[in-house]
Amino acid sequence: MSNPQARSGSEASTPALTDAGTAELTAVVDELLNQLTTKFATMSKDLIEKMDDMSRRLDTLESTIQANSTSTKGGDSK
């Protein structure tokens, strides 16, 4: 025969273990989300900095090409 008190005791401890497991899982997921958020923010910042640098380089290149084009046209007319 089964012991009703033993069954009640094991059933009573199961929710406590589940609550502890849920709390631990929640903490792990929160930490993972924080890490991913930090990595995403860092990567976004780095990407924006590289794009800004590329934009400045292209502006400089365009200015140099226009300056050379202007001086070449001026040199041909002399």
PDB file of N, CA and C in Angstrom:
ATOM      1  N   MET A   1       0.829  -1.177   0.000  1.00  0.00           N
ATOM      2  CA  MET A   1       0.000   0.000   0.000  1.00  0.00           C
ATOM      3  C   MET A   1       0.875   1.242   0.000  1.00  0.00           C
ATOM      4  N   SER A   2       0.417   2.261  -0.632  1.00  0.00           N
ATOM      5  CA  SER A   2       1.203   3.488  -0.665  1.00  0.00           C
ATOM      6  C   SER A   2       0.943   4.316   0.576  1.00  0.00           C
ATOM      7  N   ASN A   3       1.934   5.043   0.970  1.00  0.00           N
ATOM      8  CA  ASN A   3       1.860   5.876   2.166  1.00  0.00           C
ATOM      9  C   ASN A   3       1.422   7.275   1.745  1.00  0.00           C
ATOM     10  N   PRO A   4       0.219   7.748   2.116  1.00  0.00           N
ATOM     11  CA  PRO A   4      -0.246   9.072   1.687  1.00  0.00           C
ATOM     12  C   PRO A   4       0.614  10.202   2.220  1.00  0.00           C
ATOM     13  N   GLN A   5       1.199  10.005   3.407  1.00  0.00           N
ATOM     14  CA  GLN A   5       2.043  11.061   3.955  1.00  0.00           C
ATOM     15  C   GLN A   5       3.332  11.196   3.154  1.00  0.00           C
ATOM     16  N   ALA A   6       3.894  10.092   2.698  1.00  0.00           N
ATOM     17  CA  ALA A   6       5.123  10.141   1.901  1.00  0.00           C
ATOM     18  C   ALA A   6       4.856  10.842   0.579  1.00  0.00           C
ATOM     19  N   ARG A   7       3.702  10.522  -0.002  1.00  0.00           N
ATOM     20  CA  ARG A   7       3.359  11.155  -1.263  1.00  0.00           C
ATOM     21  C   ARG A   7       3.136  12.650  -1.078  1.00  0.00           C
ATOM     22  N   SER A   8       2.485  13.036  -0.043  1.00  0.00           N
ATOM     23  CA  SER A   8       2.253  14.457   0.227  1.00  0.00           C
ATOM     24  C   SER A   8       3.567  15.185   0.454  1.00  0.00           C
ATOM     25  N   GLY A   9       4.491  14.541   1.143  1.00  0.00           N
ATOM     26  CA  GLY A   9       5.785  15.161   1.402  1.00  0.00           C
ATOM     27  C   GLY A   9       6.573  15.378   0.130  1.00  0.00           C
ATOM     28  N   SER A  10       6.565  14.398  -0.767  1.00  0.00           N
ATOM     29  CA  SER A  10       7.317  14.552  -2.012  1.00  0.00           C
ATOM     30  C   SER A  10       6.651  15.568  -2.927  1.00  0.00           C
ATOM     31  N   GLU A  11       5.331  15.596  -2.936  1.00  0.00           N
ATOM     32  CA  GLU A  11       4.623  16.582  -3.752  1.00  0.00           C
ATOM     33  C   GLU A  11       4.833  17.990  -3.211  1.00  0.00           C
ATOM     34  N   ALA A  12       4.947  18.102  -1.905  1.00  0.00           N
ATOM     35  CA  ALA A  12       5.150  19.414  -1.300  1.00  0.00           C
ATOM     36  C   ALA A  12       6.541  19.951  -1.614  1.00  0.00           C
ATOM     37  N   SER A  13       7.542  19.072  -1.716  1.00  0.00           N
ATOM     38  CA  SER A  13       8.898  19.540  -1.999  1.00  0.00           C
ATOM     39  C   SER A  13       9.100  19.840  -3.479  1.00  0.00           C
ATOM     40  N   THR A  14       8.312  19.253  -4.340  1.00  0.00           N
ATOM     41  CA  THR A  14       8.460  19.473  -5.777  1.00  0.00           C
ATOM     42  C   THR A  14       8.223  20.932  -6.166  1.00  0.00           C
ATOM     43  N   PRO A  15       7.164  21.596  -5.684  1.00  0.00           N
ATOM     44  CA  PRO A  15       6.999  23.008  -6.048  1.00  0.00           C
ATOM     45  C   PRO A  15       8.151  23.881  -5.571  1.00  0.00           C
ATOM     46  N   ALA A  16       8.719  23.575  -4.417  1.00  0.00           N
ATOM     47  CA  ALA A  16       9.851  24.359  -3.926  1.00  0.00           C
ATOM     48  C   ALA A  16      11.044  24.194  -4.854  1.00  0.00           C
ATOM     49  N   LEU A  17      11.283  22.958  -5.295  1.00  0.00           N
ATOM     50  CA  LEU A  17      12.384  22.726  -6.233  1.00  0.00           C
ATOM     51  C   LEU A  17      12.091  23.407  -7.563  1.00  0.00           C
ATOM     52  N   THR A  18      10.869  23.355  -7.994  1.00  0.00           N
ATOM     53  CA  THR A  18      10.494  23.994  -9.252  1.00  0.00           C
ATOM     54  C   THR A  18      10.657  25.509  -9.149  1.00  0.00           C
ATOM     55  N   ASP A  19      10.251  26.080  -8.037  1.00  0.00           N
ATOM     56  CA  ASP A  19      10.410  27.524  -7.846  1.00  0.00           C
ATOM     57  C   ASP A  19      11.884  27.915  -7.837  1.00  0.00           C
ATOM     58  N   ALA A  20      12.714  27.108  -7.168  1.00  0.00           N
ATOM     59  CA  ALA A  20      14.151  27.395  -7.141  1.00  0.00           C
ATOM     60  C   ALA A  20      14.744  27.251  -8.538  1.00  0.00           C
ATOM     61  N   GLY A  21      14.317  26.217  -9.254  1.00  0.00           N
ATOM     62  CA  GLY A  21      14.801  26.011 -10.621  1.00  0.00           C
ATOM     63  C   GLY A  21      14.363  27.135 -11.543  1.00  0.00           C
ATOM     64  N   THR A  22      13.130  27.569 -11.369  1.00  0.00           N
ATOM     65  CA  THR A  22      12.611  28.673 -12.178  1.00  0.00           C
ATOM     66  C   THR A  22      13.370  29.961 -11.887  1.00  0.00           C
ATOM     67  N   ALA A  23      13.640  30.207 -10.618  1.00  0.00           N
ATOM     68  CA  ALA A  23      14.387  31.412 -10.244  1.00  0.00           C
ATOM     69  C   ALA A  23      15.800  31.373 -10.816  1.00  0.00           C
ATOM     70  N   GLU A  24      16.420  30.191 -10.765  1.00  0.00           N
ATOM     71  CA  GLU A  24      17.783  30.054 -11.303  1.00  0.00           C
ATOM     72  C   GLU A  24      17.781  30.236 -12.817  1.00  0.00           C
ATOM     73  N   LEU A  25      16.798  29.631 -13.485  1.00  0.00           N
ATOM     74  CA  LEU A  25      16.692  29.772 -14.937  1.00  0.00           C
ATOM     75  C   LEU A  25      16.454  31.230 -15.318  1.00  0.00           C
ATOM     76  N   THR A  26      15.604  31.901 -14.568  1.00  0.00           N
ATOM     77  CA  THR A  26      15.335  33.319 -14.822  1.00  0.00           C
ATOM     78  C   THR A  26      16.603  34.146 -14.672  1.00  0.00           C
ATOM     79  N   ALA A  27      17.383  33.846 -13.635  1.00  0.00           N
ATOM     80  CA  ALA A  27      18.633  34.582 -13.416  1.00  0.00           C
ATOM     81  C   ALA A  27      19.616  34.338 -14.559  1.00  0.00           C
ATOM     82  N   VAL A  28      19.705  33.089 -15.019  1.00  0.00           N
ATOM     83  CA  VAL A  28      20.621  32.757 -16.117  1.00  0.00           C
ATOM     84  C   VAL A  28      20.182  33.453 -17.404  1.00  0.00           C
ATOM     85  N   VAL A  29      18.885  33.424 -17.686  1.00  0.00           N
ATOM     86  CA  VAL A  29      18.372  34.070 -18.901  1.00  0.00           C
ATOM     87  C   VAL A  29      18.579  35.584 -18.832  1.00  0.00           C
ATOM     88  N   ASP A  30      18.332  36.179 -17.661  1.00  0.00           N
ATOM     89  CA  ASP A  30      18.564  37.620 -17.502  1.00  0.00           C
ATOM     90  C   ASP A  30      20.025  37.976 -17.749  1.00  0.00           C
ATOM     91  N   GLU A  31      20.933  37.176 -17.209  1.00  0.00           N
ATOM     92  CA  GLU A  31      22.367  37.428 -17.402  1.00  0.00           C
ATOM     93  C   GLU A  31      22.741  37.290 -18.875  1.00  0.00           C
ATOM     94  N   LEU A  32      22.201  36.271 -19.532  1.00  0.00           N
ATOM     95  CA  LEU A  32      22.473  36.071 -20.957  1.00  0.00           C
ATOM     96  C   LEU A  32      21.960  37.254 -21.774  1.00  0.00           C
ATOM     97  N   LEU A  33      20.761  37.712 -21.462  1.00  0.00           N
ATOM     98  CA  LEU A  33      20.209  38.868 -22.177  1.00  0.00           C
ATOM     99  C   LEU A  33      21.041  40.122 -21.940  1.00  0.00           C
ATOM    100  N   ASN A  34      21.517  40.303 -20.725  1.00  0.00           N
ATOM    101  CA  ASN A  34      22.386  41.452 -20.437  1.00  0.00           C
ATOM    102  C   ASN A  34      23.681  41.373 -21.235  1.00  0.00           C
ATOM    103  N   GLN A  35      24.266  40.176 -21.310  1.00  0.00           N
ATOM    104  CA  GLN A  35      25.504  40.003 -22.079  1.00  0.00           C
ATOM    105  C   GLN A  35      25.263  40.277 -23.559  1.00  0.00           C
ATOM    106  N   LEU A  36      24.157  39.749 -24.089  1.00  0.00           N
ATOM    107  CA  LEU A  36      23.846  39.970 -25.503  1.00  0.00           C
ATOM    108  C   LEU A  36      23.582  41.446 -25.787  1.00  0.00           C
ATOM    109  N   THR A  37      22.892  42.114 -24.877  1.00  0.00           N
ATOM    110  CA  THR A  37      22.625  43.543 -25.043  1.00  0.00           C
ATOM    111  C   THR A  37      23.923  44.335 -25.067  1.00  0.00           C
ATOM    112  N   THR A  38      24.833  43.993 -24.160  1.00  0.00           N
ATOM    113  CA  THR A  38      26.129  44.676 -24.107  1.00  0.00           C
ATOM    114  C   THR A  38      26.920  44.432 -25.388  1.00  0.00           C
ATOM    115  N   LYS A  39      26.958  43.182 -25.844  1.00  0.00           N
ATOM    116  CA  LYS A  39      27.690  42.863 -27.075  1.00  0.00           C
ATOM    117  C   LYS A  39      27.071  43.568 -28.275  1.00  0.00           C
ATOM    118  N   PHE A  40      25.750  43.591 -28.342  1.00  0.00           N
ATOM    119  CA  PHE A  40      25.077  44.252 -29.454  1.00  0.00           C
ATOM    120  C   PHE A  40      25.377  45.746 -29.457  1.00  0.00           C
ATOM    121  N   ALA A  41      25.333  46.366 -28.288  1.00  0.00           N
ATOM    122  CA  ALA A  41      25.622  47.803 -28.191  1.00  0.00           C
ATOM    123  C   ALA A  41      27.057  48.091 -28.609  1.00  0.00           C
ATOM    124  N   THR A  42      27.990  47.245 -28.173  1.00  0.00           N
ATOM    125  CA  THR A  42      29.400  47.426 -28.536  1.00  0.00           C
ATOM    126  C   THR A  42      29.595  47.266 -30.040  1.00  0.00           C
ATOM    127  N   MET A  43      28.988  46.230 -30.615  1.00  0.00           N
ATOM    128  CA  MET A  43      29.126  46.006 -32.056  1.00  0.00           C
ATOM    129  C   MET A  43      28.491  47.138 -32.852  1.00  0.00           C
ATOM    130  N   SER A  44      27.352  47.626 -32.402  1.00  0.00           N
ATOM    131  CA  SER A  44      26.692  48.741 -33.087  1.00  0.00           C
ATOM    132  C   SER A  44      27.570  49.985 -33.057  1.00  0.00           C
ATOM    133  N   LYS A  45      28.142  50.265 -31.896  1.00  0.00           N
ATOM    134  CA  LYS A  45      29.025  51.434 -31.750  1.00  0.00           C
ATOM    135  C   LYS A  45      30.228  51.300 -32.673  1.00  0.00           C
ATOM    136  N   ASP A  46      30.855  50.112 -32.679  1.00  0.00           N
ATOM    137  CA  ASP A  46      32.019  49.886 -33.537  1.00  0.00           C
ATOM    138  C   ASP A  46      31.653  50.025 -35.011  1.00  0.00           C
ATOM    139  N   LEU A  47      30.512  49.491 -35.396  1.00  0.00           N
ATOM    140  CA  LEU A  47      30.082  49.569 -36.790  1.00  0.00           C
ATOM    141  C   LEU A  47      29.830  51.015 -37.206  1.00  0.00           C
ATOM    142  N   ILE A  48      29.182  51.774 -36.354  1.00  0.00           N
ATOM    143  CA  ILE A  48      28.918  53.185 -36.664  1.00  0.00           C
ATOM    144  C   ILE A  48      30.223  53.964 -36.773  1.00  0.00           C
ATOM    145  N   GLU A  49      31.173  53.689 -35.877  1.00  0.00           N
ATOM    146  CA  GLU A  49      32.476  54.366 -35.947  1.00  0.00           C
ATOM    147  C   GLU A  49      33.187  54.033 -37.255  1.00  0.00           C
ATOM    148  N   LYS A  50      33.156  52.773 -37.669  1.00  0.00           N
ATOM    149  CA  LYS A  50      33.810  52.379 -38.924  1.00  0.00           C
ATOM    150  C   LYS A  50      33.120  53.011 -40.125  1.00  0.00           C
ATOM    151  N   MET A  51      31.796  53.093 -40.092  1.00  0.00           N
ATOM    152  CA  MET A  51      31.079  53.725 -41.197  1.00  0.00           C
ATOM    153  C   MET A  51      31.380  55.219 -41.260  1.00  0.00           C
ATOM    154  N   ASP A  52      31.469  55.873 -40.107  1.00  0.00           N
ATOM    155  CA  ASP A  52      31.832  57.296 -40.084  1.00  0.00           C
ATOM    156  C   ASP A  52      33.238  57.505 -40.635  1.00  0.00           C
ATOM    157  N   ASP A  53      34.162  56.634 -40.251  1.00  0.00           N
ATOM    158  CA  ASP A  53      35.537  56.724 -40.750  1.00  0.00           C
ATOM    159  C   ASP A  53      35.564  56.517 -42.264  1.00  0.00           C
ATOM    160  N   MET A  54      34.805  55.540 -42.754  1.00  0.00           N
ATOM    161  CA  MET A  54      34.747  55.286 -44.190  1.00  0.00           C
ATOM    162  C   MET A  54      34.151  56.487 -44.920  1.00  0.00           C
ATOM    163  N   SER A  55      33.147  57.103 -44.341  1.00  0.00           N
ATOM    164  CA  SER A  55      32.531  58.281 -44.948  1.00  0.00           C
ATOM    165  C   SER A  55      33.528  59.431 -45.043  1.00  0.00           C
ATOM    166  N   ARG A  56      34.301  59.647 -43.976  1.00  0.00           N
ATOM    167  CA  ARG A  56      35.328  60.702 -44.008  1.00  0.00           C
ATOM    168  C   ARG A  56      36.372  60.397 -45.075  1.00  0.00           C
ATOM    169  N   ARG A  57      36.785  59.149 -45.177  1.00  0.00           N
ATOM    170  CA  ARG A  57      37.787  58.784 -46.190  1.00  0.00           C
ATOM    171  C   ARG A  57      37.247  58.993 -47.596  1.00  0.00           C
ATOM    172  N   LEU A  58      35.987  58.635 -47.814  1.00  0.00           N
ATOM    173  CA  LEU A  58      35.392  58.841 -49.136  1.00  0.00           C
ATOM    174  C   LEU A  58      35.270  60.329 -49.460  1.00  0.00           C
ATOM    175  N   ASP A  59      34.910  61.130 -48.464  1.00  0.00           N
ATOM    176  CA  ASP A  59      34.842  62.584 -48.678  1.00  0.00           C
ATOM    177  C   ASP A  59      36.214  63.139 -49.052  1.00  0.00           C
ATOM    178  N   THR A  60      37.250  62.672 -48.359  1.00  0.00           N
ATOM    179  CA  THR A  60      38.617  63.114 -48.654  1.00  0.00           C
ATOM    180  C   THR A  60      39.022  62.676 -50.057  1.00  0.00           C
ATOM    181  N   LEU A  61      38.709  61.442 -50.409  1.00  0.00           N
ATOM    182  CA  LEU A  61      39.039  60.929 -51.743  1.00  0.00           C
ATOM    183  C   LEU A  61      38.311  61.728 -52.822  1.00  0.00           C
ATOM    184  N   GLU A  62      37.039  62.004 -52.592  1.00  0.00           N
ATOM    185  CA  GLU A  62      36.267  62.783 -53.556  1.00  0.00           C
ATOM    186  C   GLU A  62      36.853  64.184 -53.721  1.00  0.00           C
ATOM    187  N   SER A  63      37.223  64.813 -52.624  1.00  0.00           N
ATOM    188  CA  SER A  63      37.831  66.150 -52.693  1.00  0.00           C
ATOM    189  C   SER A  63      39.147  66.111 -53.450  1.00  0.00           C
ATOM    190  N   THR A  64      39.954  65.086 -53.200  1.00  0.00           N
ATOM    191  CA  THR A  64      41.242  64.948 -53.882  1.00  0.00           C
ATOM    192  C   THR A  64      41.041  64.737 -55.377  1.00  0.00           C
ATOM    193  N   ILE A  65      40.083  63.901 -55.731  1.00  0.00           N
ATOM    194  CA  ILE A  65      39.810  63.644 -57.156  1.00  0.00           C
ATOM    195  C   ILE A  65      39.325  64.918 -57.838  1.00  0.00           C
ATOM    196  N   GLN A  66      38.433  65.645 -57.182  1.00  0.00           N
ATOM    197  CA  GLN A  66      37.941  66.893 -57.768  1.00  0.00           C
ATOM    198  C   GLN A  66      39.061  67.918 -57.899  1.00  0.00           C
ATOM    199  N   ALA A  67      39.938  67.996 -56.908  1.00  0.00           N
ATOM    200  CA  ALA A  67      41.060  68.939 -56.972  1.00  0.00           C
ATOM    201  C   ALA A  67      42.001  68.560 -58.106  1.00  0.00           C
ATOM    202  N   ASN A  68      42.287  67.273 -58.252  1.00  0.00           N
ATOM    203  CA  ASN A  68      43.165  66.819 -59.337  1.00  0.00           C
ATOM    204  C   ASN A  68      42.507  67.021 -60.692  1.00  0.00           C
ATOM    205  N   SER A  69      41.214  66.803 -60.762  1.00  0.00           N
ATOM    206  CA  SER A  69      40.490  66.998 -62.012  1.00  0.00           C
ATOM    207  C   SER A  69      40.504  68.471 -62.408  1.00  0.00           C
ATOM    208  N   THR A  70      40.332  69.349 -61.444  1.00  0.00           N
ATOM    209  CA  THR A  70      40.345  70.791 -61.707  1.00  0.00           C
ATOM    210  C   THR A  70      41.729  71.242 -62.144  1.00  0.00           C
ATOM    211  N   SER A  71      42.784  70.752 -61.468  1.00  0.00           N
ATOM    212  CA  SER A  71      44.132  71.178 -61.852  1.00  0.00           C
ATOM    213  C   SER A  71      44.540  70.574 -63.186  1.00  0.00           C
ATOM    214  N   THR A  72      44.047  69.406 -63.529  1.00  0.00           N
ATOM    215  CA  THR A  72      44.367  68.814 -64.830  1.00  0.00           C
ATOM    216  C   THR A  72      43.693  69.615 -65.941  1.00  0.00           C
ATOM    217  N   LYS A  73      42.447  70.002 -65.737  1.00  0.00           N
ATOM    218  CA  LYS A  73      41.744  70.802 -66.741  1.00  0.00           C
ATOM    219  C   LYS A  73      42.415  72.161 -66.900  1.00  0.00           C
ATOM    220  N   GLY A  74      42.845  72.740 -65.815  1.00  0.00           N
ATOM    221  CA  GLY A  74      43.533  74.031 -65.860  1.00  0.00           C
ATOM    222  C   GLY A  74      44.884  73.896 -66.535  1.00  0.00           C
ATOM    223  N   GLY A  75      45.557  72.771 -66.347  1.00  0.00           N
ATOM    224  CA  GLY A  75      46.870  72.541 -66.945  1.00  0.00           C
ATOM    225  C   GLY A  75      46.777  72.318 -68.439  1.00  0.00           C
ATOM    226  N   ASP A  76      45.668  71.710 -68.910  1.00  0.00           N
ATOM    227  CA  ASP A  76      45.504  71.456 -70.341  1.00  0.00           C
ATOM    228  C   ASP A  76      45.280  72.743 -71.124  1.00  0.00           C
ATOM    229  N   SER A  77      44.691  73.748 -70.514  1.00  0.00           N
ATOM    230  CA  SER A  77      44.388  74.978 -71.231  1.00  0.00           C
ATOM    231  C   SER A  77      45.597  75.884 -71.347  1.00  0.00           C
ATOM    232  N   LYS A  78      46.654  75.604 -70.609  1.00  0.00           N
ATOM    233  CA  LYS A  78      47.840  76.470 -70.667  1.00  0.00           C
ATOM    234  C   LYS A  78      48.683  76.209 -71.837  1.00  0.00           C
TER     235      LYS A  78
END
